[in-house]
PDB file of N, CA and C in Angstrom:
ATOM      1  N   UNK A   1       8.419 -27.037 -17.958  1.00  0.00           N
ATOM      2  CA  UNK A   1       8.978 -25.797 -17.448  1.00  0.00           C
ATOM      3  C   UNK A   1       9.518 -26.055 -16.049  1.00  0.00           C
ATOM      4  N   UNK A   2      10.747 -25.710 -15.830  1.00  0.00           N
ATOM      5  CA  UNK A   2      11.347 -25.980 -14.537  1.00  0.00           C
ATOM      6  C   UNK A   2      11.039 -24.863 -13.552  1.00  0.00           C
ATOM      7  N   UNK A   3      11.261 -25.143 -12.295  1.00  0.00           N
ATOM      8  CA  UNK A   3      11.015 -24.176 -11.238  1.00  0.00           C
ATOM      9  C   UNK A   3      11.924 -22.967 -11.388  1.00  0.00           C
ATOM     10  N   UNK A   4      13.175 -23.200 -11.765  1.00  0.00           N
ATOM     11  CA  UNK A   4      14.130 -22.092 -11.878  1.00  0.00           C
ATOM     12  C   UNK A   4      13.742 -21.157 -13.013  1.00  0.00           C
ATOM     13  N   UNK A   5      13.308 -21.674 -14.131  1.00  0.00           N
ATOM     14  CA  UNK A   5      12.921 -20.785 -15.230  1.00  0.00           C
ATOM     15  C   UNK A   5      11.665 -20.001 -14.886  1.00  0.00           C
ATOM     16  N   UNK A   6      10.755 -20.597 -14.126  1.00  0.00           N
ATOM     17  CA  UNK A   6       9.554 -19.856 -13.743  1.00  0.00           C
ATOM     18  C   UNK A   6       9.878 -18.744 -12.760  1.00  0.00           C
ATOM     19  N   UNK A   7      10.850 -18.979 -11.888  1.00  0.00           N
ATOM     20  CA  UNK A   7      11.266 -17.928 -10.957  1.00  0.00           C
ATOM     21  C   UNK A   7      11.952 -16.801 -11.703  1.00  0.00           C
ATOM     22  N   UNK A   8      12.776 -17.154 -12.707  1.00  0.00           N
ATOM     23  CA  UNK A   8      13.445 -16.125 -13.496  1.00  0.00           C
ATOM     24  C   UNK A   8      12.467 -15.241 -14.229  1.00  0.00           C
ATOM     25  N   UNK A   9      11.418 -15.836 -14.786  1.00  0.00           N
ATOM     26  CA  UNK A   9      10.393 -15.046 -15.463  1.00  0.00           C
ATOM     27  C   UNK A   9       9.637 -14.161 -14.504  1.00  0.00           C
ATOM     28  N   UNK A  10       9.388 -14.655 -13.319  1.00  0.00           N
ATOM     29  CA  UNK A  10       8.703 -13.879 -12.296  1.00  0.00           C
ATOM     30  C   UNK A  10       9.547 -12.693 -11.876  1.00  0.00           C
ATOM     31  N   UNK A  11      10.839 -12.932 -11.695  1.00  0.00           N
ATOM     32  CA  UNK A  11      11.721 -11.867 -11.251  1.00  0.00           C
ATOM     33  C   UNK A  11      11.785 -10.746 -12.278  1.00  0.00           C
ATOM     34  N   UNK A  12      11.914 -11.072 -13.555  1.00  0.00           N
ATOM     35  CA  UNK A  12      12.011 -10.026 -14.564  1.00  0.00           C
ATOM     36  C   UNK A  12      10.693  -9.266 -14.690  1.00  0.00           C
ATOM     37  N   UNK A  13       9.554  -9.950 -14.555  1.00  0.00           N
ATOM     38  CA  UNK A  13       8.283  -9.238 -14.644  1.00  0.00           C
ATOM     39  C   UNK A  13       8.087  -8.324 -13.438  1.00  0.00           C
ATOM     40  N   UNK A  14       8.556  -8.742 -12.268  1.00  0.00           N
ATOM     41  CA  UNK A  14       8.457  -7.879 -11.091  1.00  0.00           C
ATOM     42  C   UNK A  14       9.370  -6.672 -11.221  1.00  0.00           C
ATOM     43  N   UNK A  15      10.548  -6.862 -11.766  1.00  0.00           N
ATOM     44  CA  UNK A  15      11.472  -5.746 -11.939  1.00  0.00           C
ATOM     45  C   UNK A  15      10.927  -4.723 -12.916  1.00  0.00           C
ATOM     46  N   UNK A  16      10.217  -5.174 -13.940  1.00  0.00           N
ATOM     47  CA  UNK A  16       9.659  -4.246 -14.920  1.00  0.00           C
ATOM     48  C   UNK A  16       8.545  -3.401 -14.334  1.00  0.00           C
ATOM     49  N   UNK A  17       7.895  -3.887 -13.273  1.00  0.00           N
ATOM     50  CA  UNK A  17       6.807  -3.124 -12.660  1.00  0.00           C
ATOM     51  C   UNK A  17       7.296  -2.107 -11.645  1.00  0.00           C
ATOM     52  N   UNK A  18       8.582  -2.131 -11.298  1.00  0.00           N
ATOM     53  CA  UNK A  18       9.104  -1.166 -10.338  1.00  0.00           C
ATOM     54  C   UNK A  18       9.071   0.234 -10.930  1.00  0.00           C
ATOM     55  N   UNK A  19       8.846   1.272 -10.072  1.00  0.00           N
ATOM     56  CA  UNK A  19       8.840   2.630 -10.593  1.00  0.00           C
ATOM     57  C   UNK A  19      10.217   2.989 -11.140  1.00  0.00           C
ATOM     58  N   UNK A  20      10.250   3.534 -12.335  1.00  0.00           N
ATOM     59  CA  UNK A  20      11.505   3.969 -12.935  1.00  0.00           C
ATOM     60  C   UNK A  20      12.245   2.874 -13.655  1.00  0.00           C
ATOM     61  N   UNK A  21      11.752   1.646 -13.640  1.00  0.00           N
ATOM     62  CA  UNK A  21      12.447   0.552 -14.311  1.00  0.00           C
ATOM     63  C   UNK A  21      12.292   0.700 -15.810  1.00  0.00           C
ATOM     64  N   UNK A  22      13.368   0.557 -16.520  1.00  0.00           N
ATOM     65  CA  UNK A  22      13.340   0.642 -17.962  1.00  0.00           C
ATOM     66  C   UNK A  22      13.341   2.056 -18.498  1.00  0.00           C
ATOM     67  N   UNK A  23      13.366   3.033 -17.637  1.00  0.00           N
ATOM     68  CA  UNK A  23      13.407   4.426 -18.087  1.00  0.00           C
ATOM     69  C   UNK A  23      14.836   4.906 -18.102  1.00  0.00           C
ATOM     70  N   UNK A  24      15.174   5.656 -19.121  1.00  0.00           N
ATOM     71  CA  UNK A  24      16.528   6.207 -19.210  1.00  0.00           C
ATOM     72  C   UNK A  24      16.646   7.443 -18.347  1.00  0.00           C
ATOM     73  N   UNK A  25      15.564   8.183 -18.204  1.00  0.00           N
ATOM     74  CA  UNK A  25      15.599   9.435 -17.460  1.00  0.00           C
ATOM     75  C   UNK A  25      15.290   9.252 -15.974  1.00  0.00           C
ATOM     76  N   UNK A  26      15.636   8.101 -15.410  1.00  0.00           N
ATOM     77  CA  UNK A  26      15.402   7.853 -13.988  1.00  0.00           C
ATOM     78  C   UNK A  26      16.237   8.834 -13.164  1.00  0.00           C
ATOM     79  N   UNK A  27      15.726   9.286 -12.016  1.00  0.00           N
ATOM     80  CA  UNK A  27      16.458  10.262 -11.211  1.00  0.00           C
ATOM     81  C   UNK A  27      17.767   9.690 -10.696  1.00  0.00           C
ATOM     82  N   UNK A  28      18.766  10.565 -10.608  1.00  0.00           N
ATOM     83  CA  UNK A  28      20.093  10.145 -10.143  1.00  0.00           C
ATOM     84  C   UNK A  28      20.133  10.015  -8.628  1.00  0.00           C
ATOM     85  N   UNK A  29      19.243  10.738  -7.917  1.00  0.00           N
ATOM     86  CA  UNK A  29      19.243  10.660  -6.464  1.00  0.00           C
ATOM     87  C   UNK A  29      18.462   9.440  -6.026  1.00  0.00           C
ATOM     88  N   UNK A  30      18.929   8.730  -5.006  1.00  0.00           N
ATOM     89  CA  UNK A  30      18.199   7.550  -4.545  1.00  0.00           C
ATOM     90  C   UNK A  30      16.878   7.959  -3.916  1.00  0.00           C
ATOM     91  N   UNK A  31      15.908   7.057  -4.014  1.00  0.00           N
ATOM     92  CA  UNK A  31      14.586   7.319  -3.458  1.00  0.00           C
ATOM     93  C   UNK A  31      14.448   6.564  -2.148  1.00  0.00           C
ATOM     94  N   UNK A  32      13.905   7.225  -1.144  1.00  0.00           N
ATOM     95  CA  UNK A  32      13.692   6.624   0.161  1.00  0.00           C
ATOM     96  C   UNK A  32      12.218   6.304   0.331  1.00  0.00           C
ATOM     97  N   UNK A  33      11.866   5.111   0.835  1.00  0.00           N
ATOM     98  CA  UNK A  33      10.458   4.783   1.042  1.00  0.00           C
ATOM     99  C   UNK A  33       9.890   5.564   2.210  1.00  0.00           C
ATOM    100  N   UNK A  34       8.606   5.898   2.099  1.00  0.00           N
ATOM    101  CA  UNK A  34       7.915   6.566   3.187  1.00  0.00           C
ATOM    102  C   UNK A  34       6.821   5.668   3.697  1.00  0.00           C
ATOM    103  N   UNK A  35       6.233   6.026   4.826  1.00  0.00           N
ATOM    104  CA  UNK A  35       5.202   5.209   5.458  1.00  0.00           C
ATOM    105  C   UNK A  35       3.983   5.066   4.558  1.00  0.00           C
ATOM    106  N   UNK A  36       3.628   6.119   3.822  1.00  0.00           N
ATOM    107  CA  UNK A  36       2.418   6.065   3.015  1.00  0.00           C
ATOM    108  C   UNK A  36       2.609   5.296   1.712  1.00  0.00           C
ATOM    109  N   UNK A  37       3.774   4.684   1.504  1.00  0.00           N
ATOM    110  CA  UNK A  37       4.002   3.836   0.348  1.00  0.00           C
ATOM    111  C   UNK A  37       4.625   4.549  -0.829  1.00  0.00           C
ATOM    112  N   UNK A  38       4.738   5.869  -0.777  1.00  0.00           N
ATOM    113  CA  UNK A  38       5.373   6.588  -1.864  1.00  0.00           C
ATOM    114  C   UNK A  38       6.860   6.726  -1.575  1.00  0.00           C
ATOM    115  N   UNK A  39       7.593   7.260  -2.516  1.00  0.00           N
ATOM    116  CA  UNK A  39       9.035   7.427  -2.337  1.00  0.00           C
ATOM    117  C   UNK A  39       9.369   8.904  -2.423  1.00  0.00           C
ATOM    118  N   UNK A  40      10.373   9.318  -1.681  1.00  0.00           N
ATOM    119  CA  UNK A  40      10.823  10.700  -1.723  1.00  0.00           C
ATOM    120  C   UNK A  40      12.308  10.710  -2.001  1.00  0.00           C
ATOM    121  N   UNK A  41      12.806  11.748  -2.681  1.00  0.00           N
ATOM    122  CA  UNK A  41      14.241  11.809  -2.945  1.00  0.00           C
ATOM    123  C   UNK A  41      15.033  11.875  -1.650  1.00  0.00           C
ATOM    124  N   UNK A  42      16.237  11.325  -1.671  1.00  0.00           N
ATOM    125  CA  UNK A  42      17.057  11.274  -0.463  1.00  0.00           C
ATOM    126  C   UNK A  42      17.444  12.670   0.008  1.00  0.00           C
ATOM    127  N   UNK A  43      17.540  13.630  -0.892  1.00  0.00           N
ATOM    128  CA  UNK A  43      17.932  14.978  -0.514  1.00  0.00           C
ATOM    129  C   UNK A  43      16.781  15.822  -0.018  1.00  0.00           C
ATOM    130  N   UNK A  44      15.569  15.321  -0.083  1.00  0.00           N
ATOM    131  CA  UNK A  44      14.403  16.089   0.340  1.00  0.00           C
ATOM    132  C   UNK A  44      14.427  16.277   1.851  1.00  0.00           C
ATOM    133  N   UNK A  45      13.789  17.348   2.300  1.00  0.00           N
ATOM    134  CA  UNK A  45      13.774  17.611   3.734  1.00  0.00           C
ATOM    135  C   UNK A  45      12.939  16.550   4.433  1.00  0.00           C
ATOM    136  N   UNK A  46      13.446  15.983   5.509  1.00  0.00           N
ATOM    137  CA  UNK A  46      12.710  14.922   6.191  1.00  0.00           C
ATOM    138  C   UNK A  46      11.500  15.479   6.926  1.00  0.00           C
ATOM    139  N   UNK A  47      10.458  14.671   7.022  1.00  0.00           N
ATOM    140  CA  UNK A  47       9.295  15.074   7.798  1.00  0.00           C
ATOM    141  C   UNK A  47       9.630  14.890   9.272  1.00  0.00           C
ATOM    142  N   UNK A  48       8.916  15.591  10.118  1.00  0.00           N
ATOM    143  CA  UNK A  48       9.223  15.462  11.537  1.00  0.00           C
ATOM    144  C   UNK A  48       8.749  14.109  12.065  1.00  0.00           C
ATOM    145  N   UNK A  49       9.319  13.697  13.152  1.00  0.00           N
ATOM    146  CA  UNK A  49       9.071  12.359  13.672  1.00  0.00           C
ATOM    147  C   UNK A  49       7.633  12.180  14.122  1.00  0.00           C
ATOM    148  N   UNK A  50       7.039  13.211  14.676  1.00  0.00           N
ATOM    149  CA  UNK A  50       5.672  13.064  15.178  1.00  0.00           C
ATOM    150  C   UNK A  50       4.698  12.760  14.043  1.00  0.00           C
ATOM    151  N   UNK A  51       4.902  13.341  12.868  1.00  0.00           N
ATOM    152  CA  UNK A  51       3.999  13.044  11.752  1.00  0.00           C
ATOM    153  C   UNK A  51       4.191  11.622  11.258  1.00  0.00           C
ATOM    154  N   UNK A  52       5.424  11.111  11.275  1.00  0.00           N
ATOM    155  CA  UNK A  52       5.673   9.729  10.872  1.00  0.00           C
ATOM    156  C   UNK A  52       5.008   8.771  11.857  1.00  0.00           C
ATOM    157  N   UNK A  53       5.138   9.051  13.140  1.00  0.00           N
ATOM    158  CA  UNK A  53       4.525   8.188  14.144  1.00  0.00           C
ATOM    159  C   UNK A  53       3.002   8.289  14.088  1.00  0.00           C
ATOM    160  N   UNK A  54       2.472   9.490  13.806  1.00  0.00           N
ATOM    161  CA  UNK A  54       1.020   9.637  13.646  1.00  0.00           C
ATOM    162  C   UNK A  54       0.508   8.804  12.480  1.00  0.00           C
ATOM    163  N   UNK A  55       1.265   8.759  11.375  1.00  0.00           N
ATOM    164  CA  UNK A  55       0.873   7.929  10.240  1.00  0.00           C
ATOM    165  C   UNK A  55       0.879   6.456  10.611  1.00  0.00           C
ATOM    166  N   UNK A  56       1.864   6.036  11.394  1.00  0.00           N
ATOM    167  CA  UNK A  56       1.942   4.643  11.828  1.00  0.00           C
ATOM    168  C   UNK A  56       0.743   4.286  12.702  1.00  0.00           C
ATOM    169  N   UNK A  57       0.416   5.148  13.642  1.00  0.00           N
ATOM    170  CA  UNK A  57      -0.710   4.897  14.541  1.00  0.00           C
ATOM    171  C   UNK A  57      -2.026   4.890  13.761  1.00  0.00           C
ATOM    172  N   UNK A  58      -2.182   5.800  12.814  1.00  0.00           N
ATOM    173  CA  UNK A  58      -3.428   5.831  12.042  1.00  0.00           C
ATOM    174  C   UNK A  58      -3.550   4.600  11.140  1.00  0.00           C
ATOM    175  N   UNK A  59      -2.426   4.098  10.628  1.00  0.00           N
ATOM    176  CA  UNK A  59      -2.473   2.882   9.811  1.00  0.00           C
ATOM    177  C   UNK A  59      -2.885   1.683  10.659  1.00  0.00           C
ATOM    178  N   UNK A  60      -2.373   1.587  11.879  1.00  0.00           N
ATOM    179  CA  UNK A  60      -2.749   0.494  12.782  1.00  0.00           C
ATOM    180  C   UNK A  60      -4.222   0.619  13.163  1.00  0.00           C
ATOM    181  N   UNK A  61      -4.665   1.824  13.419  1.00  0.00           N
ATOM    182  CA  UNK A  61      -6.071   2.041  13.763  1.00  0.00           C
ATOM    183  C   UNK A  61      -6.982   1.661  12.600  1.00  0.00           C
ATOM    184  N   UNK A  62      -6.576   1.977  11.386  1.00  0.00           N
ATOM    185  CA  UNK A  62      -7.378   1.624  10.213  1.00  0.00           C
ATOM    186  C   UNK A  62      -7.476   0.107  10.058  1.00  0.00           C
ATOM    187  N   UNK A  63      -6.379  -0.603  10.310  1.00  0.00           N
ATOM    188  CA  UNK A  63      -6.406  -2.068  10.238  1.00  0.00           C
ATOM    189  C   UNK A  63      -7.341  -2.648  11.294  1.00  0.00           C
ATOM    190  N   UNK A  64      -7.305  -2.088  12.512  1.00  0.00           N
ATOM    191  CA  UNK A  64      -8.172  -2.594  13.566  1.00  0.00           C
ATOM    192  C   UNK A  64      -9.636  -2.297  13.262  1.00  0.00           C
ATOM    193  N   UNK A  65      -9.928  -1.138  12.724  1.00  0.00           N
ATOM    194  CA  UNK A  65     -11.304  -0.790  12.364  1.00  0.00           C
ATOM    195  C   UNK A  65     -11.818  -1.694  11.247  1.00  0.00           C
ATOM    196  N   UNK A  66     -10.962  -1.960  10.254  1.00  0.00           N
ATOM    197  CA  UNK A  66     -11.344  -2.851   9.161  1.00  0.00           C
ATOM    198  C   UNK A  66     -11.630  -4.262   9.687  1.00  0.00           C
ATOM    199  N   UNK A  67     -10.796  -4.739  10.607  1.00  0.00           N
ATOM    200  CA  UNK A  67     -10.999  -6.074  11.173  1.00  0.00           C
ATOM    201  C   UNK A  67     -12.309  -6.131  11.957  1.00  0.00           C
ATOM    202  N   UNK A  68     -12.605  -5.072  12.703  1.00  0.00           N
ATOM    203  CA  UNK A  68     -13.858  -5.033  13.448  1.00  0.00           C
ATOM    204  C   UNK A  68     -15.068  -5.033  12.512  1.00  0.00           C
ATOM    205  N   UNK A  69     -14.979  -4.278  11.418  1.00  0.00           N
ATOM    206  CA  UNK A  69     -16.088  -4.221  10.464  1.00  0.00           C
ATOM    207  C   UNK A  69     -16.330  -5.575   9.812  1.00  0.00           C
ATOM    208  N   UNK A  70     -15.250  -6.242   9.396  1.00  0.00           N
ATOM    209  CA  UNK A  70     -15.402  -7.551   8.749  1.00  0.00           C
ATOM    210  C   UNK A  70     -15.968  -8.568   9.736  1.00  0.00           C
ATOM    211  N   UNK A  71     -15.475  -8.531  10.976  1.00  0.00           N
ATOM    212  CA  UNK A  71     -15.971  -9.445  12.001  1.00  0.00           C
ATOM    213  C   UNK A  71     -17.441  -9.186  12.298  1.00  0.00           C
ATOM    214  N   UNK A  72     -17.827  -7.932  12.363  1.00  0.00           N
ATOM    215  CA  UNK A  72     -19.226  -7.582  12.609  1.00  0.00           C
ATOM    216  C   UNK A  72     -20.115  -8.102  11.475  1.00  0.00           C
ATOM    217  N   UNK A  73     -19.641  -7.970  10.232  1.00  0.00           N
ATOM    218  CA  UNK A  73     -20.414  -8.467   9.094  1.00  0.00           C
ATOM    219  C   UNK A  73     -20.592  -9.984   9.165  1.00  0.00           C
ATOM    220  N   UNK A  74     -19.545 -10.692   9.578  1.00  0.00           N
ATOM    221  CA  UNK A  74     -19.644 -12.155   9.700  1.00  0.00           C
ATOM    222  C   UNK A  74     -20.627 -12.521  10.799  1.00  0.00           C
ATOM    223  N   UNK A  75     -20.548 -11.831  11.932  1.00  0.00           N
ATOM    224  CA  UNK A  75     -21.433 -12.149  13.051  1.00  0.00           C
ATOM    225  C   UNK A  75     -22.894 -11.822  12.754  1.00  0.00           C
ATOM    226  N   UNK A  76     -23.137 -10.803  11.935  1.00  0.00           N
ATOM    227  CA  UNK A  76     -24.509 -10.412  11.594  1.00  0.00           C
ATOM    228  C   UNK A  76     -25.068 -11.243  10.437  1.00  0.00           C
ATOM    229  N   UNK A  77     -24.241 -12.088   9.840  1.00  0.00           N
ATOM    230  CA  UNK A  77     -24.699 -12.927   8.745  1.00  0.00           C
ATOM    231  C   UNK A  77     -24.664 -12.242   7.392  1.00  0.00           C
ATOM    232  N   UNK A  78     -24.082 -11.045   7.302  1.00  0.00           N
ATOM    233  CA  UNK A  78     -24.012 -10.327   6.036  1.00  0.00           C
ATOM    234  C   UNK A  78     -22.886 -10.862   5.154  1.00  0.00           C
ATOM    235  N   UNK A  79     -21.937 -11.570   5.752  1.00  0.00           N
ATOM    236  CA  UNK A  79     -20.776 -12.087   5.031  1.00  0.00           C
ATOM    237  C   UNK A  79     -20.478 -13.479   5.572  1.00  0.00           C
ATOM    238  N   UNK A  80     -20.205 -14.422   4.698  1.00  0.00           N
ATOM    239  CA  UNK A  80     -19.905 -15.774   5.167  1.00  0.00           C
ATOM    240  C   UNK A  80     -18.422 -16.109   5.028  1.00  0.00           C
ATOM    241  N   UNK A  81     -17.596 -15.109   4.897  1.00  0.00           N
ATOM    242  CA  UNK A  81     -16.159 -15.298   4.719  1.00  0.00           C
ATOM    243  C   UNK A  81     -15.451 -15.198   6.077  1.00  0.00           C
ATOM    244  N   UNK A  82     -15.585 -16.250   6.872  1.00  0.00           N
ATOM    245  CA  UNK A  82     -14.980 -16.261   8.206  1.00  0.00           C
ATOM    246  C   UNK A  82     -13.469 -16.148   8.135  1.00  0.00           C
ATOM    247  N   UNK A  83     -12.858 -16.761   7.134  1.00  0.00           N
ATOM    248  CA  UNK A  83     -11.402 -16.715   7.016  1.00  0.00           C
ATOM    249  C   UNK A  83     -10.903 -15.290   6.807  1.00  0.00           C
ATOM    250  N   UNK A  84     -11.660 -14.453   6.086  1.00  0.00           N
ATOM    251  CA  UNK A  84     -11.262 -13.058   5.920  1.00  0.00           C
ATOM    252  C   UNK A  84     -11.264 -12.328   7.254  1.00  0.00           C
ATOM    253  N   UNK A  85     -12.229 -12.643   8.088  1.00  0.00           N
ATOM    254  CA  UNK A  85     -12.308 -12.023   9.404  1.00  0.00           C
ATOM    255  C   UNK A  85     -11.104 -12.405  10.260  1.00  0.00           C
ATOM    256  N   UNK A  86     -10.755 -13.678  10.254  1.00  0.00           N
ATOM    257  CA  UNK A  86      -9.621 -14.151  11.055  1.00  0.00           C
ATOM    258  C   UNK A  86      -8.320 -13.550  10.543  1.00  0.00           C
ATOM    259  N   UNK A  87      -8.160 -13.500   9.221  1.00  0.00           N
ATOM    260  CA  UNK A  87      -6.939 -12.920   8.640  1.00  0.00           C
ATOM    261  C   UNK A  87      -6.838 -11.441   8.994  1.00  0.00           C
ATOM    262  N   UNK A  88      -7.939 -10.717   8.891  1.00  0.00           N
ATOM    263  CA  UNK A  88      -7.924  -9.283   9.206  1.00  0.00           C
ATOM    264  C   UNK A  88      -7.593  -9.047  10.676  1.00  0.00           C
ATOM    265  N   UNK A  89      -8.127  -9.899  11.559  1.00  0.00           N
ATOM    266  CA  UNK A  89      -7.813  -9.755  12.985  1.00  0.00           C
ATOM    267  C   UNK A  89      -6.338 -10.041  13.251  1.00  0.00           C
ATOM    268  N   UNK A  90      -5.779 -11.046  12.582  1.00  0.00           N
ATOM    269  CA  UNK A  90      -4.361 -11.366  12.761  1.00  0.00           C
ATOM    270  C   UNK A  90      -3.481 -10.237  12.233  1.00  0.00           C
ATOM    271  N   UNK A  91      -3.837  -9.670  11.079  1.00  0.00           N
ATOM    272  CA  UNK A  91      -3.069  -8.551  10.532  1.00  0.00           C
ATOM    273  C   UNK A  91      -3.091  -7.357  11.481  1.00  0.00           C
ATOM    274  N   UNK A  92      -4.254  -7.071  12.036  1.00  0.00           N
ATOM    275  CA  UNK A  92      -4.366  -5.952  12.971  1.00  0.00           C
ATOM    276  C   UNK A  92      -3.543  -6.223  14.228  1.00  0.00           C
ATOM    277  N   UNK A  93      -3.551  -7.462  14.702  1.00  0.00           N
ATOM    278  CA  UNK A  93      -2.766  -7.812  15.883  1.00  0.00           C
ATOM    279  C   UNK A  93      -1.277  -7.690  15.641  1.00  0.00           C
ATOM    280  N   UNK A  94      -0.823  -8.156  14.488  1.00  0.00           N
ATOM    281  CA  UNK A  94       0.602  -8.063  14.160  1.00  0.00           C
ATOM    282  C   UNK A  94       1.013  -6.608  13.985  1.00  0.00           C
ATOM    283  N   UNK A  95       0.172  -5.802  13.343  1.00  0.00           N
ATOM    284  CA  UNK A  95       0.481  -4.380  13.165  1.00  0.00           C
ATOM    285  C   UNK A  95       0.580  -3.679  14.519  1.00  0.00           C
ATOM    286  N   UNK A  96      -0.318  -4.025  15.441  1.00  0.00           N
ATOM    287  CA  UNK A  96      -0.274  -3.416  16.770  1.00  0.00           C
ATOM    288  C   UNK A  96       0.987  -3.838  17.524  1.00  0.00           C
ATOM    289  N   UNK A  97       1.338  -5.117  17.430  1.00  0.00           N
ATOM    290  CA  UNK A  97       2.560  -5.590  18.098  1.00  0.00           C
ATOM    291  C   UNK A  97       3.795  -4.898  17.538  1.00  0.00           C
ATOM    292  N   UNK A  98       3.826  -4.699  16.216  1.00  0.00           N
ATOM    293  CA  UNK A  98       4.949  -3.999  15.602  1.00  0.00           C
ATOM    294  C   UNK A  98       5.030  -2.571  16.115  1.00  0.00           C
ATOM    295  N   UNK A  99       3.891  -1.892  16.199  1.00  0.00           N
ATOM    296  CA  UNK A  99       3.886  -0.518  16.682  1.00  0.00           C
ATOM    297  C   UNK A  99       4.375  -0.448  18.127  1.00  0.00           C
ATOM    298  N   UNK A 100       3.959  -1.385  18.957  1.00  0.00           N
ATOM    299  CA  UNK A 100       4.402  -1.399  20.359  1.00  0.00           C
ATOM    300  C   UNK A 100       5.899  -1.649  20.443  1.00  0.00           C
ATOM    301  N   UNK A 101       6.428  -2.559  19.630  1.00  0.00           N
ATOM    302  CA  UNK A 101       7.863  -2.836  19.644  1.00  0.00           C
ATOM    303  C   UNK A 101       8.670  -1.627  19.172  1.00  0.00           C
ATOM    304  N   UNK A 102       8.174  -0.929  18.154  1.00  0.00           N
ATOM    305  CA  UNK A 102       8.853   0.291  17.695  1.00  0.00           C
ATOM    306  C   UNK A 102       8.862   1.322  18.807  1.00  0.00           C
ATOM    307  N   UNK A 103       7.724   1.472  19.476  1.00  0.00           N
ATOM    308  CA  UNK A 103       7.664   2.417  20.595  1.00  0.00           C
ATOM    309  C   UNK A 103       8.634   2.033  21.700  1.00  0.00           C
ATOM    310  N   UNK A 104       8.702   0.744  22.034  1.00  0.00           N
ATOM    311  CA  UNK A 104       9.615   0.291  23.088  1.00  0.00           C
ATOM    312  C   UNK A 104      11.064   0.566  22.720  1.00  0.00           C
ATOM    313  N   UNK A 105      11.433   0.329  21.459  1.00  0.00           N
ATOM    314  CA  UNK A 105      12.805   0.600  21.022  1.00  0.00           C
ATOM    315  C   UNK A 105      13.110   2.085  21.086  1.00  0.00           C
ATOM    316  N   UNK A 106      12.136   2.909  20.732  1.00  0.00           N
ATOM    317  CA  UNK A 106      12.354   4.354  20.803  1.00  0.00           C
ATOM    318  C   UNK A 106      12.522   4.824  22.240  1.00  0.00           C
ATOM    319  N   UNK A 107      11.734   4.291  23.135  1.00  0.00           N
ATOM    320  CA  UNK A 107      11.863   4.658  24.552  1.00  0.00           C
ATOM    321  C   UNK A 107      13.213   4.199  25.089  1.00  0.00           C
ATOM    322  N   UNK A 108      13.631   2.986  24.733  1.00  0.00           N
ATOM    323  CA  UNK A 108      14.950   2.497  25.161  1.00  0.00           C
ATOM    324  C   UNK A 108      16.061   3.385  24.622  1.00  0.00           C
ATOM    325  N   UNK A 109      15.954   3.795  23.366  1.00  0.00           N
ATOM    326  CA  UNK A 109      16.971   4.667  22.772  1.00  0.00           C
ATOM    327  C   UNK A 109      17.024   6.006  23.488  1.00  0.00           C
ATOM    328  N   UNK A 110      15.852   6.561  23.784  1.00  0.00           N
ATOM    329  CA  UNK A 110      15.802   7.838  24.496  1.00  0.00           C
ATOM    330  C   UNK A 110      16.431   7.707  25.877  1.00  0.00           C
ATOM    331  N   UNK A 111      16.104   6.639  26.585  1.00  0.00           N
ATOM    332  CA  UNK A 111      16.673   6.444  27.921  1.00  0.00           C
ATOM    333  C   UNK A 111      18.188   6.273  27.853  1.00  0.00           C
ATOM    334  N   UNK A 112      18.669   5.585  26.822  1.00  0.00           N
ATOM    335  CA  UNK A 112      20.115   5.408  26.656  1.00  0.00           C
ATOM    336  C   UNK A 112      20.793   6.748  26.380  1.00  0.00           C
ATOM    337  N   UNK A 113      20.150   7.583  25.582  1.00  0.00           N
ATOM    338  CA  UNK A 113      20.714   8.909  25.331  1.00  0.00           C
ATOM    339  C   UNK A 113      20.737   9.768  26.595  1.00  0.00           C
ATOM    340  N   UNK A 114      19.724   9.646  27.414  1.00  0.00           N
ATOM    341  CA  UNK A 114      19.674  10.412  28.641  1.00  0.00           C
ATOM    342  C   UNK A 114      20.740   9.956  29.645  1.00  0.00           C
ATOM    343  N   UNK A 115      21.167   8.714  29.577  1.00  0.00           N
ATOM    344  CA  UNK A 115      22.191   8.204  30.475  1.00  0.00           C
ATOM    345  C   UNK A 115      23.606   8.580  30.081  1.00  0.00           C
ATOM    346  N   UNK A 116      23.755   9.077  28.851  1.00  0.00           N
ATOM    347  CA  UNK A 116      25.103   9.441  28.381  1.00  0.00           C
ATOM    348  C   UNK A 116      25.626  10.653  29.123  1.00  0.00           C
ATOM    349  N   UNK A 117      26.894  10.590  29.523  1.00  0.00           N
ATOM    350  CA  UNK A 117      27.459  11.774  30.170  1.00  0.00           C
ATOM    351  C   UNK A 117      27.745  12.875  29.128  1.00  0.00           C
ATOM    352  N   UNK A 118      27.578  14.088  29.564  1.00  0.00           N
ATOM    353  CA  UNK A 118      27.830  15.206  28.663  1.00  0.00           C
ATOM    354  C   UNK A 118      29.169  15.814  28.810  1.00  0.00           C
TER     355      UNK A 118
END
């Protein structure tokens, strides 16, 4: 079995698992991804920005809490999976860095809008 044929089989199996794949009655309106992992129709009323940012902050907080719990279990000897602790800490760190970068871009955008002449 060649590498290309295995990739082709993987691609078709992944496509079949997508929501709405293979259905004839799939919605005509495009679906937009949301922070919580679900999709909403493109014509649906958008949620306000503060709720989207609150979801982002709570997701980062949940990752950090999970990393702390796993690390605590390793340190107390309840779990011997040190690699899980390190991976969880790295995921929490990357999520926090992403949140900070998003915040910085938003602040820069706001400042740029404030500098525009009216």
